[in-house]
Each structure stands twice: as C-alpha cells, then as structure tokens.
C-alpha atoms as a PDB file:
ATOM      1  CA  UNK A   1       3.091  14.397 -25.707  1.00  0.00           C
ATOM      2  CA  UNK A   2       1.747  15.842 -22.450  1.00  0.00           C
ATOM      3  CA  UNK A   3      -1.712  16.757 -21.323  1.00  0.00           C
ATOM      4  CA  UNK A   4      -2.171  19.036 -18.340  1.00  0.00           C
ATOM      5  CA  UNK A   5      -4.090  17.307 -15.553  1.00  0.00           C
ATOM      6  CA  UNK A   6      -7.687  18.431 -15.121  1.00  0.00           C
ATOM      7  CA  UNK A   7      -7.979  21.134 -12.457  1.00  0.00           C
ATOM      8  CA  UNK A   8      -9.591  20.240  -9.168  1.00  0.00           C
ATOM      9  CA  UNK A   9     -13.173  21.339  -8.724  1.00  0.00           C
ATOM     10  CA  UNK A  10     -13.251  24.544  -6.725  1.00  0.00           C
ATOM     11  CA  UNK A  11     -15.765  24.818  -3.901  1.00  0.00           C
ATOM     12  CA  UNK A  12     -16.915  28.409  -3.847  1.00  0.00           C
ATOM     13  CA  UNK A  13     -18.503  28.474  -0.408  1.00  0.00           C
ATOM     14  CA  UNK A  14     -19.083  26.428   2.700  1.00  0.00           C
ATOM     15  CA  UNK A  15     -22.725  26.011   1.695  1.00  0.00           C
ATOM     16  CA  UNK A  16     -21.585  24.240  -1.482  1.00  0.00           C
ATOM     17  CA  UNK A  17     -20.314  21.381   0.669  1.00  0.00           C
ATOM     18  CA  UNK A  18     -23.902  20.262   1.069  1.00  0.00           C
ATOM     19  CA  UNK A  19     -25.572  18.093   3.692  1.00  0.00           C
ATOM     20  CA  UNK A  20     -24.129  15.085   5.474  1.00  0.00           C
ATOM     21  CA  UNK A  21     -25.202  12.171   7.622  1.00  0.00           C
ATOM     22  CA  UNK A  22     -23.109  11.254  10.663  1.00  0.00           C
ATOM     23  CA  UNK A  23     -24.019   8.482  13.100  1.00  0.00           C
ATOM     24  CA  UNK A  24     -27.774   8.836  12.734  1.00  0.00           C
ATOM     25  CA  UNK A  25     -27.969  12.621  12.342  1.00  0.00           C
ATOM     26  CA  UNK A  26     -28.408  14.793   9.257  1.00  0.00           C
ATOM     27  CA  UNK A  27     -26.370  17.989   9.501  1.00  0.00           C
ATOM     28  CA  UNK A  28     -24.285  20.382   7.384  1.00  0.00           C
ATOM     29  CA  UNK A  29     -20.955  18.808   6.490  1.00  0.00           C
ATOM     30  CA  UNK A  30     -19.106  21.793   7.996  1.00  0.00           C
ATOM     31  CA  UNK A  31     -20.565  20.847  11.403  1.00  0.00           C
ATOM     32  CA  UNK A  32     -19.678  17.149  11.270  1.00  0.00           C
ATOM     33  CA  UNK A  33     -17.155  16.048  13.907  1.00  0.00           C
ATOM     34  CA  UNK A  34     -15.441  12.689  14.446  1.00  0.00           C
ATOM     35  CA  UNK A  35     -13.345  11.650  17.463  1.00  0.00           C
ATOM     36  CA  UNK A  36      -9.558  11.771  17.093  1.00  0.00           C
ATOM     37  CA  UNK A  37      -9.635   8.255  18.575  1.00  0.00           C
ATOM     38  CA  UNK A  38     -11.609   6.966  15.600  1.00  0.00           C
ATOM     39  CA  UNK A  39      -9.760   4.012  14.078  1.00  0.00           C
ATOM     40  CA  UNK A  40     -10.424   5.365  10.609  1.00  0.00           C
ATOM     41  CA  UNK A  41      -8.250   8.374  11.535  1.00  0.00           C
ATOM     42  CA  UNK A  42      -5.634   6.411  13.488  1.00  0.00           C
ATOM     43  CA  UNK A  43      -5.310   3.251  11.382  1.00  0.00           C
ATOM     44  CA  UNK A  44      -7.268   3.774   8.159  1.00  0.00           C
ATOM     45  CA  UNK A  45      -9.522   1.075   9.624  1.00  0.00           C
ATOM     46  CA  UNK A  46     -12.656   1.385   7.525  1.00  0.00           C
ATOM     47  CA  UNK A  47     -14.371   0.887   4.189  1.00  0.00           C
ATOM     48  CA  UNK A  48     -16.199   3.154   1.783  1.00  0.00           C
ATOM     49  CA  UNK A  49     -18.380   3.423  -1.306  1.00  0.00           C
ATOM     50  CA  UNK A  50     -18.942   6.198  -3.844  1.00  0.00           C
ATOM     51  CA  UNK A  51     -22.435   6.233  -5.325  1.00  0.00           C
ATOM     52  CA  UNK A  52     -23.202   8.485  -8.309  1.00  0.00           C
ATOM     53  CA  UNK A  53     -26.466  10.370  -8.531  1.00  0.00           C
ATOM     54  CA  UNK A  54     -27.939  12.051 -11.604  1.00  0.00           C
ATOM     55  CA  UNK A  55     -31.013  14.274 -11.572  1.00  0.00           C
ATOM     56  CA  UNK A  56     -31.191  13.340  -7.867  1.00  0.00           C
ATOM     57  CA  UNK A  57     -31.474   9.636  -8.747  1.00  0.00           C
ATOM     58  CA  UNK A  58     -29.015   7.453  -6.809  1.00  0.00           C
ATOM     59  CA  UNK A  59     -27.646   4.981  -9.337  1.00  0.00           C
ATOM     60  CA  UNK A  60     -27.123   1.272  -8.616  1.00  0.00           C
ATOM     61  CA  UNK A  61     -27.572   1.730  -4.867  1.00  0.00           C
ATOM     62  CA  UNK A  62     -28.345  -1.923  -4.201  1.00  0.00           C
ATOM     63  CA  UNK A  63     -25.151  -3.046  -5.940  1.00  0.00           C
ATOM     64  CA  UNK A  64     -23.035  -0.580  -3.974  1.00  0.00           C
ATOM     65  CA  UNK A  65     -24.556  -1.580  -0.633  1.00  0.00           C
ATOM     66  CA  UNK A  66     -23.965  -5.259  -1.375  1.00  0.00           C
ATOM     67  CA  UNK A  67     -20.294  -4.502  -2.046  1.00  0.00           C
ATOM     68  CA  UNK A  68     -20.118  -2.380   1.113  1.00  0.00           C
ATOM     69  CA  UNK A  69     -21.397  -5.305   3.168  1.00  0.00           C
ATOM     70  CA  UNK A  70     -18.825  -7.632   1.600  1.00  0.00           C
ATOM     71  CA  UNK A  71     -16.067  -5.184   2.559  1.00  0.00           C
ATOM     72  CA  UNK A  72     -17.393  -4.873   6.115  1.00  0.00           C
ATOM     73  CA  UNK A  73     -17.501  -8.640   6.506  1.00  0.00           C
ATOM     74  CA  UNK A  74     -13.982  -9.062   5.118  1.00  0.00           C
ATOM     75  CA  UNK A  75     -12.582  -6.632   7.716  1.00  0.00           C
ATOM     76  CA  UNK A  76     -14.823  -7.924  10.525  1.00  0.00           C
ATOM     77  CA  UNK A  77     -16.410  -4.506  11.034  1.00  0.00           C
ATOM     78  CA  UNK A  78     -19.824  -4.639  12.629  1.00  0.00           C
ATOM     79  CA  UNK A  79     -22.665  -3.946  10.228  1.00  0.00           C
ATOM     80  CA  UNK A  80     -23.973  -0.504  11.295  1.00  0.00           C
ATOM     81  CA  UNK A  81     -27.351  -0.666   9.534  1.00  0.00           C
ATOM     82  CA  UNK A  82     -29.561  -3.254   7.844  1.00  0.00           C
ATOM     83  CA  UNK A  83     -29.123  -3.064   4.066  1.00  0.00           C
ATOM     84  CA  UNK A  84     -32.624  -1.641   3.549  1.00  0.00           C
ATOM     85  CA  UNK A  85     -31.960   1.349   5.848  1.00  0.00           C
ATOM     86  CA  UNK A  86     -29.341   2.888   3.557  1.00  0.00           C
ATOM     87  CA  UNK A  87     -31.823   3.776   0.803  1.00  0.00           C
ATOM     88  CA  UNK A  88     -33.754   6.562   2.602  1.00  0.00           C
ATOM     89  CA  UNK A  89     -30.510   8.108   3.884  1.00  0.00           C
ATOM     90  CA  UNK A  90     -28.944   8.250   0.435  1.00  0.00           C
ATOM     91  CA  UNK A  91     -32.135   9.455  -1.237  1.00  0.00           C
ATOM     92  CA  UNK A  92     -32.484  12.326   1.228  1.00  0.00           C
ATOM     93  CA  UNK A  93     -28.908  13.469   0.690  1.00  0.00           C
ATOM     94  CA  UNK A  94     -29.323  13.324  -3.099  1.00  0.00           C
ATOM     95  CA  UNK A  95     -32.522  15.355  -2.742  1.00  0.00           C
ATOM     96  CA  UNK A  96     -30.847  18.023  -0.592  1.00  0.00           C
ATOM     97  CA  UNK A  97     -27.492  18.203  -2.401  1.00  0.00           C
ATOM     98  CA  UNK A  98     -26.453  21.602  -3.855  1.00  0.00           C
ATOM     99  CA  UNK A  99     -26.278  20.010  -7.310  1.00  0.00           C
ATOM    100  CA  UNK A 100     -28.709  17.713  -9.176  1.00  0.00           C
ATOM    101  CA  UNK A 101     -25.839  15.366  -9.977  1.00  0.00           C
ATOM    102  CA  UNK A 102     -22.703  14.326  -8.173  1.00  0.00           C
ATOM    103  CA  UNK A 103     -21.658  11.550  -5.829  1.00  0.00           C
ATOM    104  CA  UNK A 104     -22.416  10.320  -2.338  1.00  0.00           C
ATOM    105  CA  UNK A 105     -19.369   9.285  -0.350  1.00  0.00           C
ATOM    106  CA  UNK A 106     -20.250   6.643   2.258  1.00  0.00           C
ATOM    107  CA  UNK A 107     -17.650   5.630   4.853  1.00  0.00           C
ATOM    108  CA  UNK A 108     -17.884   3.182   7.739  1.00  0.00           C
ATOM    109  CA  UNK A 109     -15.003   2.871  10.189  1.00  0.00           C
ATOM    110  CA  UNK A 110     -14.638   0.418  13.053  1.00  0.00           C
ATOM    111  CA  UNK A 111     -15.296   3.304  15.449  1.00  0.00           C
ATOM    112  CA  UNK A 112     -13.518   5.135  18.265  1.00  0.00           C
ATOM    113  CA  UNK A 113     -11.569   3.390  21.001  1.00  0.00           C
ATOM    114  CA  UNK A 114      -8.128   2.917  22.532  1.00  0.00           C
ATOM    115  CA  UNK A 115      -5.220   3.219  20.130  1.00  0.00           C
ATOM    116  CA  UNK A 116      -4.384  -0.476  20.139  1.00  0.00           C
ATOM    117  CA  UNK A 117      -3.716  -2.674  17.150  1.00  0.00           C
ATOM    118  CA  UNK A 118      -6.039  -5.348  18.545  1.00  0.00           C
ATOM    119  CA  UNK A 119      -9.467  -3.740  18.716  1.00  0.00           C
ATOM    120  CA  UNK A 120     -12.039  -4.391  21.480  1.00  0.00           C
ATOM    121  CA  UNK A 121     -14.664  -6.973  20.566  1.00  0.00           C
ATOM    122  CA  UNK A 122     -17.615  -4.598  20.911  1.00  0.00           C
ATOM    123  CA  UNK A 123     -17.196  -1.357  18.990  1.00  0.00           C
ATOM    124  CA  UNK A 124     -19.749   1.024  17.555  1.00  0.00           C
ATOM    125  CA  UNK A 125     -18.925   1.822  13.920  1.00  0.00           C
ATOM    126  CA  UNK A 126     -18.713   5.429  12.764  1.00  0.00           C
ATOM    127  CA  UNK A 127     -20.926   6.137   9.741  1.00  0.00           C
ATOM    128  CA  UNK A 128     -20.451   9.174   7.494  1.00  0.00           C
ATOM    129  CA  UNK A 129     -22.205   9.971   4.220  1.00  0.00           C
ATOM    130  CA  UNK A 130     -21.516  13.240   2.406  1.00  0.00           C
ATOM    131  CA  UNK A 131     -22.203  14.831  -0.957  1.00  0.00           C
ATOM    132  CA  UNK A 132     -19.389  15.332  -3.451  1.00  0.00           C
ATOM    133  CA  UNK A 133     -19.301  17.551  -6.510  1.00  0.00           C
ATOM    134  CA  UNK A 134     -17.735  15.523  -9.314  1.00  0.00           C
ATOM    135  CA  UNK A 135     -15.308  17.086 -11.802  1.00  0.00           C
ATOM    136  CA  UNK A 136     -16.384  17.667 -15.349  1.00  0.00           C
ATOM    137  CA  UNK A 137     -14.177  15.843 -17.837  1.00  0.00           C
ATOM    138  CA  UNK A 138     -14.005  16.150 -21.607  1.00  0.00           C
ATOM    139  CA  UNK A 139     -14.586  12.487 -22.405  1.00  0.00           C
ATOM    140  CA  UNK A 140     -14.681  13.172 -26.137  1.00  0.00           C
ATOM    141  CA  UNK A 141     -11.064  14.279 -25.999  1.00  0.00           C
ATOM    142  CA  UNK A 142     -10.045  11.171 -24.074  1.00  0.00           C
ATOM    143  CA  UNK A 143      -7.730  10.550 -21.144  1.00  0.00           C
ATOM    144  CA  UNK A 144      -3.956  10.439 -20.989  1.00  0.00           C
ATOM    145  CA  UNK A 145      -2.655   7.582 -18.824  1.00  0.00           C
ATOM    146  CA  UNK A 146       0.682   6.171 -17.792  1.00  0.00           C
ATOM    147  CA  UNK A 147       1.555   2.641 -16.693  1.00  0.00           C
ATOM    148  CA  UNK A 148       3.240   1.815 -13.416  1.00  0.00           C
ATOM    149  CA  UNK A 149       3.936  -1.133 -11.133  1.00  0.00           C
ATOM    150  CA  UNK A 150       1.277  -1.706  -8.471  1.00  0.00           C
ATOM    151  CA  UNK A 151       2.503  -0.616  -5.011  1.00  0.00           C
ATOM    152  CA  UNK A 152      -0.767  -1.299  -3.153  1.00  0.00           C
ATOM    153  CA  UNK A 153      -1.503  -4.072  -0.666  1.00  0.00           C
ATOM    154  CA  UNK A 154      -2.735  -7.543  -1.633  1.00  0.00           C
ATOM    155  CA  UNK A 155      -6.403  -7.134  -0.639  1.00  0.00           C
ATOM    156  CA  UNK A 156      -7.527  -4.579  -3.193  1.00  0.00           C
ATOM    157  CA  UNK A 157     -10.835  -6.427  -3.643  1.00  0.00           C
ATOM    158  CA  UNK A 158     -11.859  -4.806  -0.332  1.00  0.00           C
ATOM    159  CA  UNK A 159     -12.868  -1.171  -0.779  1.00  0.00           C
ATOM    160  CA  UNK A 160     -10.855   0.037   2.212  1.00  0.00           C
ATOM    161  CA  UNK A 161     -10.131   3.659   3.074  1.00  0.00           C
ATOM    162  CA  UNK A 162      -6.361   3.031   3.131  1.00  0.00           C
ATOM    163  CA  UNK A 163      -5.744   4.816  -0.169  1.00  0.00           C
ATOM    164  CA  UNK A 164      -2.318   6.401   0.331  1.00  0.00           C
ATOM    165  CA  UNK A 165      -0.702   4.292  -2.445  1.00  0.00           C
ATOM    166  CA  UNK A 166      -3.511   5.335  -4.815  1.00  0.00           C
ATOM    167  CA  UNK A 167      -2.960   8.973  -3.854  1.00  0.00           C
ATOM    168  CA  UNK A 168       0.776   8.743  -4.543  1.00  0.00           C
ATOM    169  CA  UNK A 169       0.189   6.947  -7.841  1.00  0.00           C
ATOM    170  CA  UNK A 170      -2.273   9.581  -8.996  1.00  0.00           C
ATOM    171  CA  UNK A 171       0.254  12.258  -8.031  1.00  0.00           C
ATOM    172  CA  UNK A 172       2.845  10.481 -10.180  1.00  0.00           C
ATOM    173  CA  UNK A 173       0.405  10.572 -13.092  1.00  0.00           C
ATOM    174  CA  UNK A 174      -0.268  14.279 -12.581  1.00  0.00           C
ATOM    175  CA  UNK A 175       3.455  15.054 -12.591  1.00  0.00           C
ATOM    176  CA  UNK A 176       3.689  13.270 -15.940  1.00  0.00           C
ATOM    177  CA  UNK A 177       0.824  15.377 -17.295  1.00  0.00           C
ATOM    178  CA  UNK A 178      -1.556  12.405 -17.264  1.00  0.00           C
ATOM    179  CA  UNK A 179      -5.046  11.879 -15.868  1.00  0.00           C
ATOM    180  CA  UNK A 180      -4.646   8.334 -14.532  1.00  0.00           C
ATOM    181  CA  UNK A 181      -2.211   5.489 -13.973  1.00  0.00           C
ATOM    182  CA  UNK A 182      -2.777   1.897 -15.107  1.00  0.00           C
ATOM    183  CA  UNK A 183      -1.248  -0.565 -12.654  1.00  0.00           C
ATOM    184  CA  UNK A 184       0.562  -3.782 -13.468  1.00  0.00           C
ATOM    185  CA  UNK A 185       1.777  -6.821 -11.527  1.00  0.00           C
ATOM    186  CA  UNK A 186       4.306  -9.186 -13.100  1.00  0.00           C
ATOM    187  CA  UNK A 187       3.680  -7.556 -16.474  1.00  0.00           C
ATOM    188  CA  UNK A 188      -0.100  -8.014 -16.326  1.00  0.00           C
ATOM    189  CA  UNK A 189      -2.654  -5.209 -16.185  1.00  0.00           C
ATOM    190  CA  UNK A 190      -4.638  -5.001 -12.934  1.00  0.00           C
ATOM    191  CA  UNK A 191      -6.683  -1.781 -12.968  1.00  0.00           C
ATOM    192  CA  UNK A 192      -6.200   1.988 -12.730  1.00  0.00           C
ATOM    193  CA  UNK A 193      -5.748   3.866  -9.465  1.00  0.00           C
ATOM    194  CA  UNK A 194      -9.501   4.565  -9.291  1.00  0.00           C
ATOM    195  CA  UNK A 195     -11.013   2.785 -12.298  1.00  0.00           C
ATOM    196  CA  UNK A 196     -11.191  -0.549 -14.082  1.00  0.00           C
ATOM    197  CA  UNK A 197      -9.587  -1.175 -17.475  1.00  0.00           C
ATOM    198  CA  UNK A 198     -11.027  -2.500 -20.741  1.00  0.00           C
ATOM    199  CA  UNK A 199      -9.298  -2.934 -24.088  1.00  0.00           C
ATOM    200  CA  UNK A 200     -10.548  -3.668 -27.593  1.00  0.00           C
ATOM    201  CA  UNK A 201      -8.537  -5.682 -30.074  1.00  0.00           C
ATOM    202  CA  UNK A 202      -9.876  -6.925 -33.421  1.00  0.00           C
ATOM    203  CA  UNK A 203     -13.449  -6.156 -32.381  1.00  0.00           C
ATOM    204  CA  UNK A 204     -13.233  -8.094 -29.091  1.00  0.00           C
ATOM    205  CA  UNK A 205     -13.613  -6.427 -25.672  1.00  0.00           C
ATOM    206  CA  UNK A 206     -11.353  -7.726 -22.896  1.00  0.00           C
ATOM    207  CA  UNK A 207     -10.938  -6.858 -19.226  1.00  0.00           C
ATOM    208  CA  UNK A 208      -8.791  -8.419 -16.491  1.00  0.00           C
ATOM    209  CA  UNK A 209     -10.622 -11.031 -14.388  1.00  0.00           C
ATOM    210  CA  UNK A 210     -11.585 -10.531 -10.758  1.00  0.00           C
ATOM    211  CA  UNK A 211      -8.789 -11.162  -8.271  1.00  0.00           C
ATOM    212  CA  UNK A 212      -7.751 -10.029  -4.806  1.00  0.00           C
ATOM    213  CA  UNK A 213      -5.534  -7.435  -6.529  1.00  0.00           C
ATOM    214  CA  UNK A 214      -8.404  -5.451  -8.064  1.00  0.00           C
ATOM    215  CA  UNK A 215     -11.683  -3.946  -6.955  1.00  0.00           C
ATOM    216  CA  UNK A 216     -14.746  -5.565  -8.542  1.00  0.00           C
ATOM    217  CA  UNK A 217     -16.113  -2.359 -10.042  1.00  0.00           C
ATOM    218  CA  UNK A 218     -19.867  -1.852 -10.207  1.00  0.00           C
ATOM    219  CA  UNK A 219     -19.640  -0.096 -13.580  1.00  0.00           C
ATOM    220  CA  UNK A 220     -17.195  -2.731 -14.851  1.00  0.00           C
ATOM    221  CA  UNK A 221     -19.455  -5.643 -13.971  1.00  0.00           C
ATOM    222  CA  UNK A 222     -22.635  -4.000 -15.284  1.00  0.00           C
ATOM    223  CA  UNK A 223     -20.983  -2.979 -18.564  1.00  0.00           C
ATOM    224  CA  UNK A 224     -19.563  -6.446 -19.109  1.00  0.00           C
ATOM    225  CA  UNK A 225     -23.029  -7.922 -18.647  1.00  0.00           C
ATOM    226  CA  UNK A 226     -24.592  -5.390 -21.040  1.00  0.00           C
ATOM    227  CA  UNK A 227     -21.960  -6.021 -23.717  1.00  0.00           C
ATOM    228  CA  UNK A 228     -22.541  -9.764 -23.482  1.00  0.00           C
ATOM    229  CA  UNK A 229     -26.320  -9.419 -23.667  1.00  0.00           C
ATOM    230  CA  UNK A 230     -25.962  -7.123 -26.695  1.00  0.00           C
ATOM    231  CA  UNK A 231     -24.019  -9.859 -28.478  1.00  0.00           C
ATOM    232  CA  UNK A 232     -20.694  -8.018 -28.528  1.00  0.00           C
ATOM    233  CA  UNK A 233     -17.679 -10.355 -28.163  1.00  0.00           C
ATOM    234  CA  UNK A 234     -16.230  -9.823 -24.696  1.00  0.00           C
ATOM    235  CA  UNK A 235     -14.298 -11.795 -22.103  1.00  0.00           C
ATOM    236  CA  UNK A 236     -12.493 -11.587 -18.786  1.00  0.00           C
ATOM    237  CA  UNK A 237      -8.914 -12.684 -19.265  1.00  0.00           C
ATOM    238  CA  UNK A 238      -5.393 -11.632 -18.262  1.00  0.00           C
ATOM    239  CA  UNK A 239      -3.977  -8.753 -20.305  1.00  0.00           C
ATOM    240  CA  UNK A 240      -0.275  -8.027 -20.554  1.00  0.00           C
ATOM    241  CA  UNK A 241       1.035  -4.484 -20.786  1.00  0.00           C
ATOM    242  CA  UNK A 242       2.371  -5.340 -24.239  1.00  0.00           C
ATOM    243  CA  UNK A 243      -1.119  -6.401 -25.342  1.00  0.00           C
ATOM    244  CA  UNK A 244      -2.617  -3.232 -23.887  1.00  0.00           C
ATOM    245  CA  UNK A 245      -0.158  -1.118 -25.856  1.00  0.00           C
ATOM    246  CA  UNK A 246      -1.281  -2.882 -29.043  1.00  0.00           C
ATOM    247  CA  UNK A 247      -4.979  -2.306 -28.318  1.00  0.00           C
ATOM    248  CA  UNK A 248      -7.220  -0.525 -30.788  1.00  0.00           C
ATOM    249  CA  UNK A 249      -9.201   1.021 -27.925  1.00  0.00           C
ATOM    250  CA  UNK A 250      -8.696   1.358 -24.166  1.00  0.00           C
ATOM    251  CA  UNK A 251     -11.509   2.356 -21.816  1.00  0.00           C
ATOM    252  CA  UNK A 252     -11.560   3.207 -18.131  1.00  0.00           C
ATOM    253  CA  UNK A 253     -14.755   2.640 -16.169  1.00  0.00           C
ATOM    254  CA  UNK A 254     -15.915   3.854 -12.785  1.00  0.00           C
ATOM    255  CA  UNK A 255     -18.983   5.023 -10.907  1.00  0.00           C
ATOM    256  CA  UNK A 256     -18.280   8.736 -11.372  1.00  0.00           C
ATOM    257  CA  UNK A 257     -16.302   8.323 -14.600  1.00  0.00           C
ATOM    258  CA  UNK A 258     -18.734   6.212 -16.592  1.00  0.00           C
ATOM    259  CA  UNK A 259     -17.090   4.706 -19.686  1.00  0.00           C
ATOM    260  CA  UNK A 260     -14.180   6.911 -20.718  1.00  0.00           C
ATOM    261  CA  UNK A 261     -11.758   6.495 -23.639  1.00  0.00           C
ATOM    262  CA  UNK A 262      -7.981   6.627 -23.334  1.00  0.00           C
ATOM    263  CA  UNK A 263      -6.213   8.611 -26.039  1.00  0.00           C
ATOM    264  CA  UNK A 264      -2.598   8.380 -24.782  1.00  0.00           C
ATOM    265  CA  UNK A 265      -0.811   5.491 -23.078  1.00  0.00           C
ATOM    266  CA  UNK A 266       2.699   6.312 -21.848  1.00  0.00           C
ATOM    267  CA  UNK A 267       2.805   9.213 -24.276  1.00  0.00           C
ATOM    268  CA  UNK A 268       1.825   7.133 -27.308  1.00  0.00           C
ATOM    269  CA  UNK A 269      -1.465   7.976 -29.050  1.00  0.00           C
ATOM    270  CA  UNK A 270      -4.004   5.259 -29.733  1.00  0.00           C
ATOM    271  CA  UNK A 271      -5.269   5.059 -33.283  1.00  0.00           C
ATOM    272  CA  UNK A 272      -8.886   3.850 -33.051  1.00  0.00           C
ATOM    273  CA  UNK A 273     -10.366   1.565 -35.707  1.00  0.00           C
ATOM    274  CA  UNK A 274     -12.690   2.936 -38.367  1.00  0.00           C
ATOM    275  CA  UNK A 275     -15.673   1.701 -36.353  1.00  0.00           C
ATOM    276  CA  UNK A 276     -14.834   1.983 -32.658  1.00  0.00           C
ATOM    277  CA  UNK A 277     -16.919   0.101 -30.101  1.00  0.00           C
ATOM    278  CA  UNK A 278     -16.796   2.908 -27.542  1.00  0.00           C
ATOM    279  CA  UNK A 279     -19.990   4.703 -28.688  1.00  0.00           C
ATOM    280  CA  UNK A 280     -21.916   1.432 -28.436  1.00  0.00           C
ATOM    281  CA  UNK A 281     -20.545   0.721 -24.968  1.00  0.00           C
ATOM    282  CA  UNK A 282     -21.363   4.235 -23.774  1.00  0.00           C
ATOM    283  CA  UNK A 283     -24.880   4.001 -25.213  1.00  0.00           C
ATOM    284  CA  UNK A 284     -25.492   0.658 -23.485  1.00  0.00           C
ATOM    285  CA  UNK A 285     -24.401   2.125 -20.165  1.00  0.00           C
ATOM    286  CA  UNK A 286     -26.578   5.213 -20.589  1.00  0.00           C
ATOM    287  CA  UNK A 287     -29.569   3.032 -21.459  1.00  0.00           C
ATOM    288  CA  UNK A 288     -28.936   0.883 -18.399  1.00  0.00           C
ATOM    289  CA  UNK A 289     -29.054   3.908 -16.092  1.00  0.00           C
ATOM    290  CA  UNK A 290     -32.552   4.768 -17.327  1.00  0.00           C
ATOM    291  CA  UNK A 291     -34.098   1.352 -16.758  1.00  0.00           C
ATOM    292  CA  UNK A 292     -36.675   0.815 -14.015  1.00  0.00           C
ATOM    293  CA  UNK A 293     -34.934  -0.317 -10.857  1.00  0.00           C
ATOM    294  CA  UNK A 294     -31.551   1.142 -11.817  1.00  0.00           C
ATOM    295  CA  UNK A 295     -31.904   4.079  -9.434  1.00  0.00           C
ATOM    296  CA  UNK A 296     -33.327   5.139  -6.101  1.00  0.00           C
ATOM    297  CA  UNK A 297     -35.304   8.296  -6.856  1.00  0.00           C
ATOM    298  CA  UNK A 298     -35.155  10.998  -4.214  1.00  0.00           C
ATOM    299  CA  UNK A 299     -38.486  11.895  -2.620  1.00  0.00           C
ATOM    300  CA  UNK A 300     -39.875  15.314  -3.479  1.00  0.00           C
END
C-alpha cells in the first residue's frame, strides 16, 4: 500500500516569508545576506534549532536554547549571545510572523573566514533566525513510514546543520510514497530522519535510549516525563526492528510534529489495540503546552 507524500507548503508571496534576525538586525528575510565565505555555507559548520510557536507563544524556548548551547560547546563554536538574550528576539519574530503559528528556525555558524579546514581561533559566529510556515498534516489518518539503515555520521546527538544524509533519506521515503523513514543501526531502531520514535506493546510505552546516534528530542523527553508522571508504564530501552514491526502502536514525536501516529510500516498496516494509548499521550502533550512557564508569550 502506498500513500502519496504530503505536498510542500506553497509560499504565495515574498511577504509570506516573514521577518528575520541576522547578526543583531531585524529585517525582511528576502533582504538577509550571508557571506559566501561563511563556514556554514562552505563546510556545513554550524548548529540549529527549530522552535514551534502557537498563537504567537514560543513553546519550550528554554529547553531549546539549552540544547543549542550544548551543540555549540560540542563543536567549539563561540557562544554568540547569553542564553537570556534569545527570548526577546524569538518573541518579537513570533509576534511579527505572517501566521499565528509556525516555527522559528535558529542557526548559528562558526562565521566567515578563510576556506581552511582548521579555523582561526577568533571568529565571529553568524546568527540567523527566521520564521517558517509548517505544513498541515492529517494526524488522524496517520503516517506511512519505511525503515532503512542509518547513513548519518556518529555524532547525531549534536543538532548540526550537516543534514544531507537526512535529506537523501527523506527523498527515499517520498519515492516509496511514505512520509518518513525510521533509521536502524545493527538491527536496532535509532530515530526517524527528523523525529524520535515511540512504540507501544502490551500497554507499555518504549523509546530508544539517548546515545550519540540520536538527537535528544525536546518533545521526546517532555512526553516521556509526562507519561511517567501520569502513571503510564514507559521506559527507555533498545528496540529491534522486529519488535517495532510487532508493536501495537508506533508514534513519531518532534517539535513541529507533536505526537503523531504511524499507520503503515514498510507497507504493512498497524492494527491498534481496542484502547490505544495515543489519545492519552496527545492529551498530555497538549496540556503541557498550556501550563504556566511552557511558553514565551510575544509582547503585544
């Protein structure tokens, strides 16, 4: 069985691109310019975050900035701003975005300099934040996914901009009529190309444990905590592809995806139990987003 991949979101006009922030200046995204000597362009030498916003509320900003700073430290990129200075930038962009909900793409590269593998000791990072319109998905219908061996590098716990393997993997999924690809190493599930993986078997929720081969997802970690606090049996443990294929439920989680069900794995439909856990998990995540402190609210 095939499912046509969801169409890309069309941008109807330049104005729909929305505002951006580049190296200390707010400006229309269409006017943003970066040097061709920037190491992000030449080497993919940078890190990024994608922060969702809903009703102009930037969700889980503190968690995303903490992960950004871990990625910067891991790649020895100079910290461009104190952690507290990101909040007003992101709030302003969410306020001025063409849509009340979407995502903020934040990228920090090592900066511009000579095209040498060994970078100079003192470099000024390039900082870009822009608004993204997120695609609308029919999450009630569920996602079709395929499985594939992981072809990415060994430091996937760093949210680096070097995403060519992810791009090629997603293209492979699209050619198979699927929405996503679940990656495996030595027969064990790692994550999807842009999401984390959960499975439910006999009423127990499982997800692969943190490792250098997977990104510690913000949504993944928050959902796992909420499930545990709600008293639902859950654990982080290795999952084989065979076990995933025998699951009663499979979910993908991500900052712009939320908690999404999988309906097809490698062309085989999943038959959910009479009382699936997905609605409970989705409700817990929605409740979490409304709690005080969960969001940075854009100034009027």
